[in-house]
Amino acid sequence: CSGAGGARLLLGDTPEVFGGVQCYGREASEYTRSRLLGQTAQLEKDVSNTDRFGRLLRYVWTEEGLFNEQIVRDGFATLATFPPDIK
């Protein structure tokens, strides 16, 4: 899923908010912003460093756990894998 700051969250796919807004894109973006803004997070790389658009590909760890999993569980992203980044 796309995140702010030129990063893409691995393991999830969210509606787009750049280059055209898809249904629930703003809600997914606001969910991410409200959960991560002001938080300390650890970013973890898998196999690839960036995607074809130059966005960093990362797992995001917060005090609550793996944010990439949380956003899918809460319904703001769908589970999606993009090999080889499937840790």
Protein backbone atom coordinates (compact mmCIF):
# COMPACT_ATOMS: atom_id res chain seq x y z
CA CYS A 1 0.00 0.00 0.00
CA SER A 2 1.24 3.47 -0.71
CA GLY A 3 2.43 5.53 2.15
CA ALA A 4 3.43 9.13 2.57
CA GLY A 5 7.01 10.15 1.90
CA GLY A 6 7.68 8.06 -1.18
CA ALA A 7 7.30 4.66 0.45
CA ARG A 8 5.16 1.62 -0.27
CA LEU A 9 4.09 -0.74 2.47
CA LEU A 10 4.87 -4.35 1.61
CA LEU A 11 2.16 -7.05 1.94
CA GLY A 12 -0.74 -4.71 1.28
CA ASP A 13 -2.48 -2.78 -1.45
CA THR A 14 -4.50 0.36 -0.72
CA PRO A 15 -6.63 2.50 -3.04
CA GLU A 16 -4.60 5.15 -4.85
CA VAL A 17 -4.66 8.82 -3.86
CA PHE A 18 -2.02 10.06 -6.31
CA GLY A 19 -2.68 10.29 -10.04
CA GLY A 20 -6.41 9.92 -9.43
CA VAL A 21 -8.27 9.09 -6.24
CA GLN A 22 -9.87 5.65 -6.03
CA CYS A 23 -12.79 4.78 -3.74
CA TYR A 24 -11.71 4.81 -0.08
CA GLY A 25 -8.28 6.15 -1.02
CA ARG A 26 -8.64 9.19 1.22
CA GLU A 27 -9.88 7.03 4.11
CA ALA A 28 -6.94 4.63 3.78
CA SER A 29 -4.53 7.56 3.59
CA GLU A 30 -6.05 9.21 6.68
CA TYR A 31 -5.95 5.89 8.57
CA THR A 32 -2.23 5.56 7.82
CA ARG A 33 -1.54 9.18 8.72
CA SER A 34 -3.45 8.95 12.01
CA ARG A 35 -1.66 5.74 13.04
CA LEU A 36 1.89 6.70 12.07
CA LEU A 37 2.20 10.49 12.34
CA GLY A 38 4.31 11.33 15.38
CA GLN A 39 5.13 7.67 16.07
CA THR A 40 8.55 6.11 16.20
CA ALA A 41 8.76 3.32 13.66
CA GLN A 42 11.38 0.91 12.40
CA LEU A 43 11.52 0.34 8.64
CA GLU A 44 12.56 -3.10 7.42
CA LYS A 45 13.71 -3.86 3.88
CA ASP A 46 12.98 -7.18 2.17
CA VAL A 47 14.73 -8.21 -1.08
CA SER A 48 14.01 -5.11 -3.19
CA ASN A 49 14.94 -1.60 -2.13
CA THR A 50 12.53 0.33 -4.39
CA ASP A 51 9.67 -0.30 -6.81
CA ARG A 52 9.53 0.80 -10.46
CA PHE A 53 8.35 4.26 -9.35
CA GLY A 54 11.34 4.76 -7.05
CA ARG A 55 9.32 4.33 -3.83
CA LEU A 56 11.01 2.61 -0.91
CA LEU A 57 9.55 -0.85 -0.23
CA ARG A 58 9.34 -1.44 3.50
CA TYR A 59 7.74 -3.26 6.41
CA VAL A 60 6.82 -0.75 9.14
CA TRP A 61 7.20 -1.83 12.76
CA THR A 62 5.62 0.26 15.55
CA GLU A 63 5.13 -0.36 19.27
CA GLU A 64 1.87 -2.14 18.35
CA GLY A 65 3.59 -4.51 15.92
CA LEU A 66 3.72 -4.80 12.13
CA PHE A 67 1.72 -1.89 10.70
CA ASN A 68 1.56 -3.60 7.28
CA GLU A 69 -0.51 -6.36 8.91
CA GLN A 70 -2.61 -3.97 10.99
CA ILE A 71 -3.79 -1.92 7.98
CA VAL A 72 -4.97 -5.11 6.25
CA ARG A 73 -6.70 -6.42 9.39
CA ASP A 74 -8.51 -3.11 9.87
CA GLY A 75 -9.81 -3.21 6.28
CA PHE A 76 -7.93 -0.25 4.79
CA ALA A 77 -5.79 -2.45 2.51
CA THR A 78 -6.03 -5.85 0.89
CA LEU A 79 -3.37 -8.50 1.33
CA ALA A 80 -1.08 -8.44 -1.68
CA THR A 81 2.31 -9.95 -2.33
CA PHE A 82 4.79 -8.75 -4.89
CA PRO A 83 7.59 -11.30 -5.28
CA PRO A 84 10.38 -11.40 -4.41
CA ASP A 85 9.31 -9.29 -1.39
CA ILE A 86 7.22 -11.84 0.51
CA LYS A 87 9.04 -12.26 3.83
